[in-house]
Amino acid sequence: MRNKRLIVNADDLGMSRGITDAILIAHRYGFVTSASLMVNMPASEYAVARLASAPKLDVGIHLNICSGKPILPASEVASLVASDGQFHKPPVMLRKLWTWKINAQQLEDEFAAQIRWAKSRGLHLTHADSHHHMHIYPAGLRPFKRALAAQGIPCVRASRCTQWPRREMLGGPHEGGIARRLVVQLYRRALQSTVLRKFQTPDSRVSFLPQERRDLEELDHAWRRAFHSLPAGTFELSCHPGIAETGFSETDPIYRQREDEFRWLTDPEFRECIRLNGIELITYRDLCDRTSMEQTSHHAAAQRNLG
């Protein structure tokens, strides 16, 4: 019988000191098991230094091409930046990725540079995802895949999104009308089973309906319902904990959600809910090790059968 396994991954490590501190506290006193580091943010170096106090926190890379400056000189990634040398804002970058108006080699080089930045500081990266999910858009997929393969990163975030308890809702927990939801659902499933199939990945992400994501009180209940209803398999809950920080939070559009998620992630009641529902908390490193062991076991069994 398959067990229920959950990776609780905190995004945006290094975006600010308040976010970094919240992630580390939620790991030490709560149930965050993994985190994804942004390497071109004001608190990136601070985050690397603070990680020494959290040796059991699994760390991956949160590739970022829509906020701040690139790691490479702007002249080397001209298709990714505006006239001020900063990355294009998310809406602009999304349009460029959908319409193939970026230079694929430049994007791959920047992804690889961000990974090397983290590795050069002694971090062993187990997984990769991206800020605003930029890597799943058409022009971003091949550069993402090539950069990860070249840099030896074995795991990626699940492209599939599923909500629990399951609803009879065509297209799943995506934004928009039925037609758009169906297209997005099929596209994300196809990515996981084709383009990104060589990477190890959870079965699906724990996701929530749009109305739940926009109502923090309802999102609280949605987290609880998901823990009660999670089926057997390996899943990821991505989260964004944060502590208010003067000079950052005033312009952060999700600062209230960050504070609420930080409270939930350190709430013993939520941790007890996970335990009572038989959910095993794991990391991406555990996912890699478990998959490697299973492959070794299958290979050994095959050799015995041949003998």
Protein backbone atom coordinates (compact mmCIF):
# COMPACT_ATOMS: atom_id res chain seq x y z
CA MET A 1 0.00 0.00 0.00
CA ARG A 2 1.36 3.42 -0.93
CA ASN A 3 1.85 5.93 1.85
CA LYS A 4 0.77 9.56 1.97
CA ARG A 5 3.87 11.72 1.55
CA LEU A 6 4.04 15.50 1.50
CA ILE A 7 6.85 17.92 0.66
CA VAL A 8 6.13 21.34 2.18
CA ASN A 9 8.26 23.72 0.11
CA ALA A 10 8.62 27.40 0.95
CA ASP A 11 9.28 29.65 -2.05
CA ASP A 12 11.13 32.99 -2.16
CA LEU A 13 13.97 32.22 0.26
CA GLY A 14 16.28 35.24 -0.02
CA MET A 15 13.69 37.64 -1.40
CA SER A 16 13.81 39.57 1.89
CA ARG A 17 15.14 39.07 5.38
CA GLY A 18 11.61 38.78 6.76
CA ILE A 19 10.74 36.02 4.30
CA THR A 20 14.03 34.23 4.93
CA ASP A 21 13.61 34.34 8.71
CA ALA A 22 10.00 33.15 8.45
CA ILE A 23 11.01 30.14 6.34
CA LEU A 24 13.77 29.14 8.76
CA ILE A 25 11.49 29.51 11.79
CA ALA A 26 8.71 27.55 10.05
CA HIS A 27 11.24 24.81 9.33
CA ARG A 28 12.61 24.70 12.87
CA TYR A 29 9.33 25.03 14.76
CA GLY A 30 6.77 24.08 12.12
CA PHE A 31 6.51 21.73 9.18
CA VAL A 32 8.37 23.34 6.27
CA THR A 33 10.67 20.63 4.89
CA SER A 34 12.20 22.29 1.81
CA ALA A 35 12.78 25.75 0.42
CA SER A 36 13.62 27.35 -2.93
CA LEU A 37 16.30 30.04 -3.02
CA MET A 38 16.21 33.21 -5.14
CA VAL A 39 19.79 34.23 -5.87
CA ASN A 40 19.42 37.75 -7.28
CA MET A 41 17.49 39.36 -4.45
CA PRO A 42 18.62 41.80 -1.71
CA ALA A 43 18.64 39.09 0.95
CA SER A 44 20.15 36.24 -1.09
CA GLU A 45 23.54 36.37 0.64
CA TYR A 46 21.79 36.75 3.99
CA ALA A 47 19.78 33.59 3.25
CA VAL A 48 22.90 31.60 2.37
CA ALA A 49 24.54 32.65 5.64
CA ARG A 50 21.43 31.80 7.66
CA LEU A 51 21.13 28.35 6.10
CA ALA A 52 24.07 27.25 8.22
CA SER A 53 21.64 27.24 11.16
CA ALA A 54 19.25 24.86 9.34
CA PRO A 55 21.30 21.86 8.14
CA LYS A 56 18.21 19.66 7.71
CA LEU A 57 16.36 22.13 5.48
CA ASP A 58 16.39 20.83 1.91
CA VAL A 59 17.30 23.61 -0.57
CA GLY A 60 16.47 24.05 -4.23
CA ILE A 61 16.65 26.92 -6.70
CA HIS A 62 13.78 29.35 -7.35
CA LEU A 63 14.82 30.49 -10.82
CA ASN A 64 13.83 34.11 -11.34
CA ILE A 65 13.59 36.02 -14.61
CA CYS A 66 10.91 38.57 -13.74
CA SER A 67 12.17 40.49 -10.69
CA GLY A 68 15.42 42.34 -10.05
CA LYS A 69 18.60 42.14 -12.11
CA PRO A 70 20.06 39.08 -13.82
CA ILE A 71 23.16 37.35 -12.52
CA LEU A 72 24.80 37.70 -15.94
CA PRO A 73 25.60 41.16 -17.36
CA ALA A 74 22.50 42.72 -18.92
CA SER A 75 24.28 42.90 -22.28
CA GLU A 76 24.54 39.09 -22.33
CA VAL A 77 20.79 38.56 -21.72
CA ALA A 78 19.37 41.49 -23.66
CA SER A 79 16.14 39.72 -24.59
CA LEU A 80 15.30 39.24 -20.88
CA VAL A 81 15.77 42.79 -19.63
CA ALA A 82 14.28 46.23 -20.05
CA SER A 83 16.25 49.39 -20.83
CA ASP A 84 17.14 49.82 -17.14
CA GLY A 85 18.90 46.44 -17.03
CA GLN A 86 16.19 44.91 -14.83
CA PHE A 87 14.23 41.82 -15.81
CA HIS A 88 10.96 42.55 -17.59
CA LYS A 89 7.99 42.63 -15.22
CA PRO A 90 5.93 39.40 -15.03
CA PRO A 91 3.17 40.39 -17.53
CA VAL A 92 5.75 41.42 -20.12
CA MET A 93 7.92 38.35 -19.59
CA LEU A 94 4.90 36.05 -19.83
CA ARG A 95 3.97 37.53 -23.21
CA LYS A 96 7.54 37.14 -24.45
CA LEU A 97 7.63 33.49 -23.34
CA TRP A 98 4.28 32.72 -24.96
CA THR A 99 5.27 34.37 -28.25
CA TRP A 100 8.88 33.09 -28.35
CA LYS A 101 10.31 36.62 -28.20
CA ILE A 102 13.23 35.71 -25.99
CA ASN A 103 16.61 34.29 -26.91
CA ALA A 104 16.58 30.66 -25.73
CA GLN A 105 20.36 30.50 -25.28
CA GLN A 106 20.34 33.66 -23.18
CA LEU A 107 17.60 32.21 -20.99
CA GLU A 108 19.45 28.92 -20.55
CA ASP A 109 22.66 30.80 -19.71
CA GLU A 110 20.88 32.89 -17.05
CA PHE A 111 19.23 29.84 -15.51
CA ALA A 112 22.62 28.11 -15.38
CA ALA A 113 24.28 31.22 -13.90
CA GLN A 114 21.71 31.36 -11.11
CA ILE A 115 22.28 27.70 -10.29
CA ARG A 116 26.06 28.18 -10.32
CA TRP A 117 25.72 31.19 -7.99
CA ALA A 118 24.09 28.96 -5.37
CA LYS A 119 26.46 26.04 -5.89
CA SER A 120 29.50 28.30 -5.63
CA ARG A 121 28.38 29.14 -2.09
CA GLY A 122 28.46 25.52 -1.06
CA LEU A 123 24.77 24.67 -1.49
CA HIS A 124 23.75 21.24 -2.74
CA LEU A 125 20.60 21.91 -4.75
CA THR A 126 18.12 19.05 -4.96
CA HIS A 127 15.28 20.63 -6.93
CA ALA A 128 14.21 23.51 -9.12
CA ASP A 129 11.13 25.60 -9.74
CA SER A 130 10.67 29.20 -10.87
CA HIS A 131 9.22 32.50 -9.76
CA HIS A 132 5.70 32.88 -11.19
CA HIS A 133 6.18 29.45 -12.84
CA MET A 134 7.99 31.04 -15.78
CA HIS A 135 9.71 27.78 -16.73
CA ILE A 136 6.49 26.06 -17.80
CA TYR A 137 5.74 28.50 -20.63
CA PRO A 138 6.65 27.36 -24.15
CA ALA A 139 9.86 29.33 -24.73
CA GLY A 140 11.09 28.58 -21.21
CA LEU A 141 10.84 24.81 -21.20
CA ARG A 142 13.87 23.77 -23.22
CA PRO A 143 16.26 26.27 -21.56
CA PHE A 144 15.00 25.15 -18.13
CA LYS A 145 15.41 21.48 -18.97
CA ARG A 146 18.88 21.93 -20.47
CA ALA A 147 20.19 24.09 -17.63
CA LEU A 148 19.02 21.62 -14.96
CA ALA A 149 20.45 18.63 -16.80
CA ALA A 150 23.79 20.36 -17.27
CA GLN A 151 23.95 21.40 -13.61
CA GLY A 152 22.87 18.00 -12.25
CA ILE A 153 19.63 18.97 -10.54
CA PRO A 154 17.49 15.81 -10.32
CA CYS A 155 14.04 17.02 -9.19
CA VAL A 156 11.51 19.58 -10.39
CA ARG A 157 8.25 20.84 -9.02
CA ALA A 158 5.18 18.96 -10.25
CA SER A 159 3.50 20.68 -13.18
CA ARG A 160 0.15 19.04 -12.35
CA CYS A 161 -2.13 20.83 -9.89
CA THR A 162 -4.87 18.98 -8.00
CA GLN A 163 -7.21 20.07 -5.22
CA TRP A 164 -8.45 17.90 -2.38
CA PRO A 165 -11.13 17.00 -1.67
CA ARG A 166 -11.62 16.43 -5.39
CA ARG A 167 -14.42 18.46 -6.94
CA GLU A 168 -16.49 17.66 -9.99
CA MET A 169 -15.07 20.73 -11.69
CA LEU A 170 -13.91 20.52 -15.28
CA GLY A 171 -10.36 21.74 -15.71
CA GLY A 172 -9.35 21.58 -12.07
CA PRO A 173 -8.24 24.45 -9.81
CA HIS A 174 -7.14 26.89 -12.50
CA GLU A 175 -8.28 30.43 -13.26
CA GLY A 176 -10.79 31.30 -15.97
CA GLY A 177 -13.70 29.66 -17.76
CA ILE A 178 -14.14 25.98 -18.51
CA ALA A 179 -12.31 26.06 -21.85
CA ARG A 180 -9.26 27.80 -20.40
CA ARG A 181 -9.15 25.52 -17.36
CA LEU A 182 -9.28 22.40 -19.52
CA VAL A 183 -6.47 23.63 -21.78
CA VAL A 184 -4.27 24.56 -18.79
CA GLN A 185 -4.98 21.25 -17.08
CA LEU A 186 -4.11 19.20 -20.18
CA TYR A 187 -1.00 21.29 -20.88
CA ARG A 188 0.36 20.91 -17.34
CA ARG A 189 -0.29 17.17 -17.29
CA ALA A 190 1.43 16.79 -20.64
CA LEU A 191 4.51 18.65 -19.40
CA GLN A 192 4.90 16.30 -16.47
CA SER A 193 4.51 13.14 -18.54
CA THR A 194 6.55 14.22 -21.58
CA VAL A 195 8.92 17.18 -21.59
CA LEU A 196 9.91 16.94 -17.90
CA ARG A 197 9.48 13.19 -17.48
CA LYS A 198 13.20 12.52 -16.98
CA PHE A 199 13.24 14.56 -13.79
CA GLN A 200 11.97 13.19 -10.52
CA THR A 201 8.81 14.96 -9.40
CA PRO A 202 5.94 14.61 -6.95
CA ASP A 203 2.73 13.15 -8.33
CA SER A 204 1.03 16.54 -8.15
CA ARG A 205 0.96 19.87 -6.36
CA VAL A 206 -1.65 20.47 -3.70
CA SER A 207 -3.60 23.36 -5.16
CA PHE A 208 -6.67 25.38 -4.27
CA LEU A 209 -9.59 26.91 -6.10
CA PRO A 210 -9.28 30.57 -7.17
CA GLN A 211 -11.90 31.72 -4.67
CA GLU A 212 -10.00 29.97 -1.88
CA ARG A 213 -6.69 31.56 -2.85
CA ARG A 214 -8.23 35.04 -2.77
CA ASP A 215 -9.90 34.65 0.66
CA LEU A 216 -7.37 34.04 3.44
CA GLU A 217 -9.99 32.80 5.89
CA GLU A 218 -11.22 30.30 3.31
CA LEU A 219 -7.63 29.36 2.42
CA ASP A 220 -7.08 28.41 6.08
CA HIS A 221 -9.99 25.96 5.84
CA ALA A 222 -8.80 24.74 2.43
CA TRP A 223 -5.43 23.72 3.89
CA ARG A 224 -7.19 21.70 6.58
CA ARG A 225 -9.51 20.03 4.07
CA ALA A 226 -6.55 19.10 1.89
CA PHE A 227 -4.73 17.42 4.78
CA HIS A 228 -7.87 15.46 5.69
CA SER A 229 -8.45 14.37 2.09
CA LEU A 230 -4.94 13.77 0.74
CA PRO A 231 -4.75 10.35 -0.97
CA ALA A 232 -1.82 7.95 -1.11
CA GLY A 233 1.11 9.21 -3.15
CA THR A 234 3.77 11.93 -3.06
CA PHE A 235 2.66 15.55 -3.25
CA GLU A 236 4.01 19.06 -2.78
CA LEU A 237 2.42 21.95 -0.92
CA SER A 238 4.16 25.14 -2.02
CA CYS A 239 3.87 28.02 0.43
CA HIS A 240 5.07 31.59 0.91
CA PRO A 241 5.61 32.37 4.60
CA GLY A 242 6.90 35.78 5.60
CA ILE A 243 7.34 38.23 8.45
CA ALA A 244 6.57 41.91 7.89
CA GLU A 245 9.68 43.91 7.02
CA THR A 246 9.82 47.69 6.75
CA GLY A 247 10.90 48.74 3.29
CA PHE A 248 9.69 45.54 1.66
CA SER A 249 6.24 44.54 2.87
CA GLU A 250 4.68 47.89 1.91
CA THR A 251 5.03 46.97 -1.77
CA ASP A 252 4.60 43.20 -1.47
CA PRO A 253 1.17 42.29 -2.92
CA ILE A 254 0.87 39.10 -0.85
CA TYR A 255 2.34 40.25 2.47
CA ARG A 256 -0.88 39.42 4.36
CA GLN A 257 -0.94 35.91 2.92
CA ARG A 258 2.73 35.48 3.86
CA GLU A 259 1.98 36.37 7.47
CA ASP A 260 -1.04 34.05 7.63
CA GLU A 261 0.85 31.15 6.07
CA PHE A 262 3.71 31.69 8.54
CA ARG A 263 1.17 31.41 11.36
CA TRP A 264 -0.38 28.22 9.91
CA LEU A 265 3.01 26.62 9.27
CA THR A 266 4.03 27.09 12.91
CA ASP A 267 0.64 26.17 14.38
CA PRO A 268 0.79 22.87 16.36
CA GLU A 269 -2.84 22.22 15.39
CA PHE A 270 -1.90 22.02 11.70
CA ARG A 271 1.04 19.75 12.50
CA GLU A 272 -1.26 17.49 14.51
CA CYS A 273 -3.74 17.43 11.63
CA ILE A 274 -0.97 16.15 9.36
CA ARG A 275 0.01 13.47 11.88
CA LEU A 276 -3.55 12.29 12.52
CA ASN A 277 -4.14 11.86 8.80
CA GLY A 278 -1.12 9.62 8.41
CA ILE A 279 0.87 12.02 6.23
CA GLU A 280 4.64 11.56 6.17
CA LEU A 281 6.55 14.83 5.77
CA ILE A 282 9.48 14.42 3.39
CA THR A 283 11.95 16.53 1.42
CA TYR A 284 12.99 16.58 -2.21
CA ARG A 285 16.19 14.88 -1.09
CA ASP A 286 14.05 12.04 0.31
CA LEU A 287 12.22 11.86 -3.02
CA CYS A 288 15.54 11.53 -4.87
CA ASP A 289 16.87 8.89 -2.45
CA ARG A 290 13.61 6.92 -2.47
CA THR A 291 13.45 6.89 -6.27
CA SER A 292 17.09 5.82 -6.50
CA MET A 293 16.48 2.96 -4.05
CA GLU A 294 13.39 1.82 -5.96
CA GLN A 295 15.29 1.86 -9.26
CA THR A 296 18.14 -0.14 -7.71
CA SER A 297 15.65 -2.63 -6.30
CA HIS A 298 13.89 -3.04 -9.65
CA HIS A 299 17.22 -3.48 -11.42
CA ALA A 300 18.35 -6.13 -8.91
CA ALA A 301 15.04 -7.98 -9.29
CA ALA A 302 15.39 -7.91 -13.06
CA GLN A 303 18.91 -9.31 -12.83
CA ARG A 304 17.73 -12.12 -10.56
CA ASN A 305 14.94 -12.98 -12.99
CA LEU A 306 17.43 -13.09 -15.87
CA GLY A 307 19.66 -15.36 -13.82
